[in-house]
Amino acid sequence: MGGGLAGSEAAWALAARGVAVTLYEMRPVRMTAAHQTDRLAELVCSNSFKSVELTNAHGLLKAEMRRLSSVVLEAADGARVPGGAALAVDRVAFSQAVHERVSRHPAITVARGEVTELPSPGVVATGPLTSDALASAIARRLDARALAFFDAIAPIVSAESLDTARLFKASRYGKGGGDDYWNAPLTEAEYDAFVAALRTGEQYQPHHEFDRTPYFEGCLPVEEMAARGRDVLRFGPMKPVGLTDPGRKPGDREPFAVVQLRQEDRAGQMWNLVGFQTRLKIPDQQRVFRTIPGLERAEFLRFGSIHRNAYINSPRALSAHLAAKDDPTLLFAGQLTGVEGYTESAATGIMAGINLARLLRGEEPAVPPPTTMLGALYRYVHTADPEHFQPMNANFGLLEPLERAPRDKERKREMLVERALAAMDAFVNRINAVHVLPLHDSA
């Protein structure tokens, strides 16, 4: 279900494994607020699939997807336009190529019309613009708490980019482990400068009516809080109360405000700026948030955002291969699962198709190891804290750390890439033990 990037990949992967597929797409019988055509894999936002460089997380994910015979990337290569290191495409030529390849496959039937019930066996890949009726069916099936309709995403920065000499470890009132958070203390002057920078930051303006998100009072953008008054932030997410710096000497002044960073992954490579959901444009997120003490050289693994995005709380509701916990043949893929981005969505579609084919043959589902970018994404959306789960894009902070990481950052990434591709090669060899038709045979 769903003729976007993930649904097209899932249908292709199933057909390549000899499974007859019906691909349901509600357009043009029922259009969305963003789509303009009835073609499969229509790109409604950017025309870029981001970097192709292997030392970029998105480039590594693409290299893994190519090993899994991605129909989306094959079409993107054919529709490529100049974009530097990015895989930018002519969006019309791209969607037309995917549409023709998928719809003309002899094992795939494209059915037009809205579906309001969940298929089993089947793959649900209806994306952030899932219809209200189907979203209600998902909520009933998985538990209403498992479905969210808006992202309120705070930035994530890499641990190795933090100046920890300017931070202190502590939990508010010593709760939990007592030192679960990194804390960035601000003086009154630093706080006032930060608030002023937030107020002048340029904000993202939605291009579509569906993305005009109503703000919830309990989850306001930081720039909105700054605009409401000088002290709103320091009585909100930047409140210093209950946080004691173990290194503070007698006579030192207490922080006027504090920014907390919460650990996002088991290895402690990724840290979330707590309560810092934002609609600032990316250059201003970098400029403003790097004024926080200790974050002057912060590497952003994920930028903040607030937009409409129906997605499942996967850690709470789905299995390791992103299926309903009580029905392994009801799989989910794409942005609906809590991954963010074109390549991430398409990649989960490939795996959904592969795994449904395996299950139909009586085999166990398979997920790449977390040393691969795709496997690390699967691990994150399955094991993240369900109370704080937010959509995630590909980034190196997700990967299983190296046992002996070199100090040189470039060499470290090269080693992560080498390990990831070797692991993906081994994974592909294992899952392709059953014959898969070559991509060109099915055109």
Protein backbone atom coordinates (compact mmCIF):
# COMPACT_ATOMS: atom_id res chain seq x y z
CA MET A 1 0.00 0.00 0.00
CA GLY A 2 1.41 3.34 -1.11
CA GLY A 3 3.07 4.21 -4.40
CA GLY A 4 5.84 6.42 -3.07
CA LEU A 5 9.52 5.60 -2.83
CA ALA A 6 9.15 2.92 -0.15
CA GLY A 7 6.10 1.30 -1.71
CA SER A 8 7.71 1.18 -5.15
CA GLU A 9 10.85 -0.42 -3.72
CA ALA A 10 8.82 -2.95 -1.72
CA ALA A 11 6.79 -3.96 -4.77
CA TRP A 12 9.95 -4.29 -6.88
CA ALA A 13 11.78 -6.38 -4.28
CA LEU A 14 8.80 -8.73 -3.95
CA ALA A 15 8.36 -9.09 -7.71
CA ALA A 16 12.09 -9.74 -8.15
CA ARG A 17 11.65 -12.69 -5.79
CA GLY A 18 8.79 -14.19 -7.76
CA VAL A 19 5.91 -12.84 -5.67
CA ALA A 20 2.82 -11.51 -7.47
CA VAL A 21 2.15 -8.00 -6.14
CA THR A 22 -0.81 -5.64 -6.11
CA LEU A 23 0.43 -2.10 -5.47
CA TYR A 24 -2.36 0.13 -4.15
CA GLU A 25 -2.10 3.89 -4.75
CA MET A 26 -5.04 6.18 -4.04
CA ARG A 27 -4.01 8.88 -6.52
CA PRO A 28 -5.62 10.13 -8.75
CA VAL A 29 -8.92 8.82 -7.30
CA ARG A 30 -8.04 10.72 -4.17
CA MET A 31 -5.25 13.29 -4.29
CA THR A 32 -3.18 14.62 -1.40
CA ALA A 33 -2.50 18.24 -0.54
CA ALA A 34 1.03 17.99 -1.95
CA HIS A 35 1.01 15.65 -4.96
CA GLN A 36 0.43 16.97 -8.47
CA THR A 37 0.35 13.76 -10.56
CA ASP A 38 -0.75 10.14 -10.44
CA ARG A 39 2.78 8.80 -11.02
CA LEU A 40 4.52 6.48 -8.62
CA ALA A 41 7.45 7.88 -6.64
CA GLU A 42 6.50 11.53 -7.21
CA LEU A 43 8.90 13.82 -5.31
CA VAL A 44 6.90 16.53 -3.56
CA CYS A 45 9.75 18.24 -1.72
CA SER A 46 13.40 18.50 -2.77
CA ASN A 47 14.76 17.04 -6.01
CA SER A 48 17.92 15.91 -4.21
CA PHE A 49 18.70 12.49 -2.77
CA LYS A 50 21.66 14.11 -0.98
CA SER A 51 25.30 13.11 -1.19
CA VAL A 52 26.74 10.18 -3.11
CA GLU A 53 30.12 10.41 -1.35
CA LEU A 54 30.85 7.28 0.64
CA THR A 55 32.15 9.24 3.63
CA ASN A 56 28.75 10.92 3.88
CA ALA A 57 26.07 8.93 5.73
CA HIS A 58 23.59 9.32 2.86
CA GLY A 59 26.25 8.26 0.35
CA LEU A 60 27.00 5.14 2.37
CA LEU A 61 23.30 4.29 2.59
CA LYS A 62 23.02 4.61 -1.19
CA ALA A 63 25.96 2.26 -1.69
CA GLU A 64 24.20 -0.28 0.53
CA MET A 65 20.93 0.17 -1.36
CA ARG A 66 22.66 -0.42 -4.69
CA ARG A 67 23.83 -3.78 -3.34
CA LEU A 68 20.15 -4.52 -2.63
CA SER A 69 19.15 -3.69 -6.26
CA SER A 70 17.33 -0.42 -5.59
CA VAL A 71 14.96 0.51 -8.42
CA VAL A 72 14.71 4.06 -7.05
CA LEU A 73 18.45 4.69 -7.31
CA GLU A 74 18.60 3.17 -10.77
CA ALA A 75 15.91 5.65 -11.87
CA ALA A 76 17.69 8.50 -10.07
CA ASP A 77 20.93 7.74 -11.91
CA GLY A 78 19.08 7.95 -15.22
CA ALA A 79 17.40 11.24 -14.30
CA ARG A 80 20.43 12.89 -12.71
CA VAL A 81 21.04 16.63 -13.18
CA PRO A 82 24.11 18.63 -12.07
CA GLY A 83 24.19 18.85 -8.29
CA GLY A 84 27.81 18.59 -7.20
CA ALA A 85 28.26 15.69 -4.81
CA ALA A 86 24.48 15.36 -4.44
CA LEU A 87 22.33 12.99 -6.46
CA ALA A 88 19.94 15.64 -7.81
CA VAL A 89 17.33 14.57 -10.35
CA ASP A 90 14.87 15.90 -12.87
CA ARG A 91 11.84 15.08 -10.75
CA VAL A 92 9.52 14.49 -13.72
CA ALA A 93 11.98 12.17 -15.48
CA PHE A 94 12.71 10.39 -12.22
CA SER A 95 9.14 9.60 -11.23
CA GLN A 96 8.30 8.66 -14.81
CA ALA A 97 11.17 6.17 -14.84
CA VAL A 98 10.12 4.55 -11.56
CA HIS A 99 6.49 4.54 -12.66
CA GLU A 100 7.25 2.80 -15.94
CA ARG A 101 9.64 0.22 -14.47
CA VAL A 102 7.32 -0.76 -11.63
CA SER A 103 3.97 -0.59 -13.43
CA ARG A 104 5.27 -2.58 -16.43
CA HIS A 105 6.71 -5.42 -14.36
CA PRO A 106 4.69 -8.54 -15.24
CA ALA A 107 4.35 -9.53 -11.58
CA ILE A 108 3.08 -6.11 -10.40
CA THR A 109 -0.49 -4.83 -10.76
CA VAL A 110 -1.12 -1.18 -9.85
CA ALA A 111 -4.58 -0.66 -8.35
CA ARG A 112 -5.98 2.86 -7.99
CA GLY A 113 -8.20 3.91 -5.10
CA GLU A 114 -8.11 4.55 -1.36
CA VAL A 115 -7.64 1.55 0.91
CA THR A 116 -8.89 1.91 4.47
CA GLU A 117 -8.01 -1.49 5.93
CA LEU A 118 -4.61 -2.99 6.63
CA PRO A 119 -3.40 -5.88 4.44
CA SER A 120 -1.95 -9.11 5.74
CA PRO A 121 0.26 -10.29 4.26
CA GLY A 122 1.28 -6.89 2.99
CA VAL A 123 3.43 -3.77 3.31
CA VAL A 124 2.04 -0.42 4.43
CA ALA A 125 4.15 2.42 3.03
CA THR A 126 1.69 5.28 2.78
CA GLY A 127 4.02 8.00 4.03
CA PRO A 128 3.47 11.23 5.95
CA LEU A 129 0.29 12.02 4.00
CA THR A 130 -1.52 8.83 4.97
CA SER A 131 -5.27 9.35 4.57
CA ASP A 132 -7.31 9.98 7.70
CA ALA A 133 -9.25 6.75 7.27
CA LEU A 134 -6.14 4.61 6.96
CA ALA A 135 -4.40 6.47 9.78
CA SER A 136 -7.39 5.63 11.97
CA ALA A 137 -7.12 1.97 10.97
CA ILE A 138 -3.41 1.98 11.87
CA ALA A 139 -4.14 3.64 15.21
CA ARG A 140 -6.81 1.04 16.01
CA ARG A 141 -4.58 -1.84 14.95
CA LEU A 142 -1.41 -0.76 16.74
CA ASP A 143 -2.86 1.23 19.65
CA ALA A 144 -3.60 4.95 19.31
CA ARG A 145 -0.52 5.86 21.36
CA ALA A 146 1.63 4.39 18.59
CA LEU A 147 0.73 7.02 15.97
CA ALA A 148 1.84 10.65 15.87
CA PHE A 149 0.76 13.30 13.41
CA PHE A 150 3.41 16.00 13.86
CA ASP A 151 7.16 15.98 14.20
CA ALA A 152 8.62 18.21 16.87
CA ILE A 153 12.28 17.40 16.37
CA ALA A 154 15.20 18.77 18.36
CA PRO A 155 18.72 18.80 16.89
CA ILE A 156 21.16 16.00 17.62
CA VAL A 157 24.92 16.63 17.81
CA SER A 158 27.85 14.23 17.84
CA ALA A 159 29.57 13.52 21.14
CA GLU A 160 33.05 13.92 19.71
CA SER A 161 32.27 17.49 18.60
CA LEU A 162 31.37 18.67 22.12
CA ASP A 163 33.80 20.65 24.25
CA THR A 164 33.09 18.71 27.43
CA ALA A 165 35.48 20.91 29.41
CA ARG A 166 32.75 23.55 29.26
CA LEU A 167 29.94 21.15 30.18
CA PHE A 168 29.06 19.21 33.30
CA LYS A 169 27.34 15.85 33.83
CA ALA A 170 24.20 15.84 36.00
CA SER A 171 20.55 14.78 36.07
CA ARG A 172 17.96 17.16 37.44
CA TYR A 173 17.70 16.61 41.20
CA GLY A 174 20.10 13.67 40.81
CA LYS A 175 17.42 11.42 39.34
CA GLY A 176 18.17 8.32 37.28
CA GLY A 177 21.89 7.64 37.26
CA GLY A 178 22.57 11.09 38.70
CA ASP A 179 24.72 12.17 35.77
CA ASP A 180 22.69 11.12 32.73
CA TYR A 181 22.82 14.46 30.89
CA TRP A 182 25.49 16.79 29.59
CA ASN A 183 24.64 20.31 30.72
CA ALA A 184 25.79 23.58 29.14
CA PRO A 185 25.68 26.39 31.73
CA LEU A 186 25.06 29.95 30.54
CA THR A 187 25.74 33.22 32.33
CA GLU A 188 23.13 35.97 32.20
CA ALA A 189 25.02 37.72 29.40
CA GLU A 190 25.38 34.48 27.41
CA TYR A 191 21.68 33.75 27.87
CA ASP A 192 20.61 37.20 26.70
CA ALA A 193 22.85 36.90 23.63
CA PHE A 194 21.38 33.47 22.87
CA VAL A 195 17.79 34.72 23.15
CA ALA A 196 18.62 37.66 20.89
CA ALA A 197 20.14 35.30 18.31
CA LEU A 198 17.04 33.08 18.39
CA ARG A 199 14.78 36.08 17.80
CA THR A 200 16.69 37.11 14.69
CA GLY A 201 16.99 33.61 13.18
CA GLU A 202 15.31 32.96 9.83
CA GLN A 203 12.53 30.40 10.09
CA TYR A 204 11.44 27.75 7.61
CA GLN A 205 8.16 28.69 5.94
CA PRO A 206 5.93 25.77 4.86
CA HIS A 207 5.37 25.41 1.13
CA HIS A 208 2.17 23.40 1.49
CA GLU A 209 -0.97 24.05 3.51
CA PHE A 210 -0.78 20.51 4.99
CA ASP A 211 2.54 21.41 6.60
CA ARG A 212 1.23 24.45 8.47
CA THR A 213 1.57 22.96 11.90
CA PRO A 214 -0.42 24.29 14.85
CA TYR A 215 1.89 24.77 17.82
CA PHE A 216 1.10 22.86 20.99
CA GLU A 217 1.75 24.84 24.16
CA GLY A 218 3.71 21.96 25.63
CA CYS A 219 5.95 21.66 22.59
CA LEU A 220 6.69 25.16 21.29
CA PRO A 221 9.64 25.95 19.00
CA VAL A 222 12.49 27.53 20.95
CA GLU A 223 12.32 30.64 18.77
CA GLU A 224 8.62 31.01 19.60
CA MET A 225 9.43 30.77 23.31
CA ALA A 226 12.17 33.40 22.88
CA ALA A 227 9.71 35.70 21.12
CA ARG A 228 7.22 35.44 23.99
CA GLY A 229 9.53 36.99 26.54
CA ARG A 230 13.06 37.18 27.83
CA ASP A 231 12.61 34.64 30.65
CA VAL A 232 10.33 32.09 28.98
CA LEU A 233 13.19 29.77 27.99
CA ARG A 234 14.94 29.85 31.34
CA PHE A 235 11.71 28.88 33.05
CA GLY A 236 11.18 26.20 30.40
CA PRO A 237 13.72 23.90 28.72
CA MET A 238 16.67 26.02 29.90
CA LYS A 239 15.71 26.16 33.58
CA PRO A 240 18.77 25.67 35.82
CA VAL A 241 16.96 24.47 38.94
CA GLY A 242 17.88 21.03 40.27
CA LEU A 243 21.16 20.88 38.32
CA THR A 244 24.35 20.95 40.35
CA ASP A 245 27.76 21.17 38.72
CA PRO A 246 29.99 18.80 40.70
CA GLY A 247 32.99 20.90 39.66
CA ARG A 248 31.58 24.20 40.94
CA LYS A 249 33.72 25.74 43.65
CA PRO A 250 32.44 27.64 46.71
CA GLY A 251 31.71 31.19 45.67
CA ASP A 252 31.08 30.33 42.01
CA ARG A 253 27.83 31.73 40.73
CA GLU A 254 25.10 29.31 39.77
CA PRO A 255 24.21 29.14 36.05
CA PHE A 256 21.62 31.66 34.92
CA ALA A 257 20.31 29.07 32.43
CA VAL A 258 21.26 25.56 31.29
CA VAL A 259 20.92 23.65 28.02
CA GLN A 260 20.57 19.90 28.60
CA LEU A 261 21.78 17.25 26.16
CA ARG A 262 20.24 13.77 26.42
CA GLN A 263 21.94 10.61 25.15
CA GLU A 264 20.24 9.23 22.03
CA ASP A 265 22.08 5.93 21.50
CA ARG A 266 23.56 3.18 23.61
CA ALA A 267 27.12 4.02 22.60
CA GLY A 268 26.76 7.67 23.64
CA GLN A 269 27.73 9.00 20.21
CA MET A 270 24.60 11.11 19.71
CA TRP A 271 23.23 13.82 22.01
CA ASN A 272 19.83 15.53 21.73
CA LEU A 273 19.31 19.19 22.67
CA VAL A 274 16.40 18.65 25.06
CA GLY A 275 13.32 20.73 24.30
CA PHE A 276 14.97 22.51 21.36
CA GLN A 277 12.45 21.70 18.64
CA THR A 278 12.77 24.45 16.06
CA ARG A 279 11.71 25.79 12.68
CA LEU A 280 14.92 27.74 12.16
CA LYS A 281 16.55 27.21 8.79
CA ILE A 282 19.63 25.01 8.87
CA PRO A 283 22.27 27.79 8.56
CA ASP A 284 20.67 29.62 11.47
CA GLN A 285 20.42 26.45 13.56
CA GLN A 286 24.18 26.08 13.13
CA ARG A 287 24.84 29.75 13.84
CA VAL A 288 22.56 30.09 16.86
CA PHE A 289 23.11 26.75 18.59
CA ARG A 290 26.88 27.02 18.25
CA THR A 291 26.72 30.05 20.57
CA ILE A 292 25.85 27.62 23.40
CA PRO A 293 28.95 27.05 25.59
CA GLY A 294 30.57 23.75 24.67
CA LEU A 295 28.80 23.54 21.31
CA GLU A 296 31.01 26.00 19.43
CA ARG A 297 32.17 23.24 17.07
CA ALA A 298 29.06 21.07 17.23
CA GLU A 299 28.59 18.59 14.39
CA PHE A 300 24.86 18.28 13.70
CA LEU A 301 23.78 14.70 13.03
CA ARG A 302 20.15 15.77 12.73
CA PHE A 303 18.69 19.25 12.48
CA GLY A 304 15.54 20.30 14.28
CA SER A 305 12.15 20.65 12.61
CA ILE A 306 8.44 20.85 13.17
CA HIS A 307 6.13 19.62 10.43
CA ARG A 308 3.23 17.34 9.67
CA ASN A 309 4.35 13.75 9.49
CA ALA A 310 2.13 10.83 10.37
CA TYR A 311 4.44 8.20 11.78
CA ILE A 312 4.33 5.17 14.02
CA ASN A 313 6.05 4.99 17.37
CA SER A 314 8.01 2.01 16.09
CA PRO A 315 9.86 1.14 19.32
CA ARG A 316 6.50 0.76 21.02
CA ALA A 317 4.45 -0.85 18.26
CA LEU A 318 6.66 -2.70 15.76
CA SER A 319 9.03 -5.67 15.73
CA ALA A 320 12.71 -5.64 14.77
CA HIS A 321 11.83 -6.04 11.08
CA LEU A 322 9.16 -3.30 11.39
CA ALA A 323 6.06 -5.48 11.41
CA ALA A 324 3.10 -5.59 13.75
CA LYS A 325 4.25 -7.43 16.85
CA ASP A 326 1.40 -9.94 16.62
CA ASP A 327 1.56 -10.39 12.83
CA PRO A 328 5.01 -10.65 11.23
CA THR A 329 3.50 -10.48 7.73
CA LEU A 330 1.96 -7.02 8.29
CA LEU A 331 5.03 -4.89 7.58
CA PHE A 332 5.52 -1.13 7.54
CA ALA A 333 8.03 0.89 5.54
CA GLY A 334 9.06 4.43 4.67
CA GLN A 335 8.52 7.60 6.67
CA LEU A 336 5.56 5.98 8.38
CA THR A 337 8.05 3.93 10.43
CA GLY A 338 9.93 6.97 11.75
CA VAL A 339 12.79 7.26 9.29
CA GLU A 340 13.36 10.66 7.73
CA GLY A 341 14.43 11.30 4.15
CA TYR A 342 14.11 9.94 0.62
CA THR A 343 16.89 7.36 0.76
CA GLU A 344 16.00 6.21 4.26
CA SER A 345 12.38 5.69 3.24
CA ALA A 346 13.25 3.86 0.03
CA ALA A 347 15.76 1.64 1.85
CA THR A 348 13.16 0.43 4.36
CA GLY A 349 10.88 -0.34 1.41
CA ILE A 350 13.52 -2.63 -0.07
CA MET A 351 13.88 -4.49 3.22
CA ALA A 352 10.10 -4.75 3.68
CA GLY A 353 9.79 -6.38 0.27
CA ILE A 354 12.69 -8.73 0.93
CA ASN A 355 11.34 -9.75 4.32
CA LEU A 356 7.77 -10.30 3.19
CA ALA A 357 9.09 -12.56 0.41
CA ARG A 358 11.16 -14.46 2.96
CA LEU A 359 8.18 -14.89 5.28
CA LEU A 360 5.99 -16.11 2.43
CA ARG A 361 8.65 -18.76 1.71
CA GLY A 362 8.61 -19.84 5.34
CA GLU A 363 11.95 -18.19 6.17
CA GLU A 364 12.78 -15.88 9.06
CA PRO A 365 12.91 -12.14 8.40
CA ALA A 366 16.39 -10.64 8.16
CA VAL A 367 17.79 -7.22 9.10
CA PRO A 368 21.28 -5.99 8.20
CA PRO A 369 23.73 -5.74 11.11
CA PRO A 370 24.08 -2.38 12.93
CA THR A 371 27.54 -1.99 11.44
CA THR A 372 25.71 -1.04 8.21
CA MET A 373 23.84 2.27 7.86
CA LEU A 374 20.59 0.52 6.99
CA GLY A 375 20.91 -1.93 9.85
CA ALA A 376 21.74 0.91 12.24
CA LEU A 377 18.60 2.78 11.15
CA TYR A 378 16.52 -0.34 11.78
CA ARG A 379 18.09 -0.75 15.19
CA TYR A 380 17.37 2.85 16.11
CA VAL A 381 13.69 2.84 15.13
CA HIS A 382 13.21 -0.47 16.96
CA THR A 383 15.16 0.19 20.16
CA ALA A 384 14.92 3.96 20.74
CA ASP A 385 13.18 5.17 23.88
CA PRO A 386 9.45 5.09 22.99
CA GLU A 387 8.78 8.00 25.34
CA HIS A 388 11.10 10.27 23.33
CA PHE A 389 10.95 8.67 19.90
CA GLN A 390 11.30 11.03 16.94
CA PRO A 391 12.01 10.37 13.26
CA MET A 392 15.67 9.84 12.34
CA ASN A 393 17.80 10.33 9.25
CA ALA A 394 20.97 8.44 8.30
CA ASN A 395 24.04 9.59 10.21
CA PHE A 396 27.30 8.07 11.38
CA GLY A 397 26.29 8.37 15.01
CA LEU A 398 23.87 5.47 14.49
CA LEU A 399 26.58 2.97 13.52
CA GLU A 400 28.04 0.49 15.97
CA PRO A 401 31.31 2.10 17.17
CA LEU A 402 34.66 0.78 16.00
CA GLU A 403 36.50 -1.31 18.56
CA ARG A 404 39.64 0.77 18.03
CA ALA A 405 38.72 4.11 16.53
CA PRO A 406 41.57 6.25 15.19
CA ARG A 407 41.77 9.87 16.29
CA ASP A 408 41.75 11.09 12.71
CA LYS A 409 38.10 11.75 11.84
CA GLU A 410 38.47 11.12 8.11
CA ARG A 411 40.22 7.80 8.67
CA LYS A 412 37.57 6.83 11.22
CA ARG A 413 34.82 7.39 8.65
CA GLU A 414 36.74 5.48 6.02
CA MET A 415 37.01 2.53 8.39
CA LEU A 416 33.29 2.71 9.23
CA VAL A 417 32.47 2.72 5.51
CA GLU A 418 34.78 -0.22 4.75
CA ARG A 419 33.27 -2.24 7.58
CA ALA A 420 29.70 -1.32 6.57
CA LEU A 421 30.10 -2.30 2.93
CA ALA A 422 31.81 -5.58 3.81
CA ALA A 423 28.96 -6.37 6.22
CA MET A 424 26.35 -5.47 3.63
CA ASP A 425 28.05 -7.65 1.01
CA ALA A 426 27.91 -10.59 3.41
CA PHE A 427 24.26 -9.84 4.23
CA VAL A 428 23.29 -9.67 0.55
CA ASN A 429 25.04 -12.95 -0.18
CA ARG A 430 23.08 -14.59 2.62
CA ILE A 431 19.62 -13.31 1.65
CA ASN A 432 20.23 -13.91 -2.06
CA ALA A 433 20.89 -17.59 -1.56
CA VAL A 434 17.45 -17.94 -3.17
CA HIS A 435 17.60 -16.79 -6.80
CA VAL A 436 16.69 -13.13 -7.42
CA LEU A 437 15.97 -11.93 -10.96
CA PRO A 438 18.52 -9.36 -12.20
CA LEU A 439 17.14 -5.83 -12.43
CA HIS A 440 17.23 -5.71 -16.25
CA ASP A 441 15.42 -9.03 -16.71
CA SER A 442 12.14 -7.60 -15.43
CA ALA A 443 12.00 -4.37 -17.44
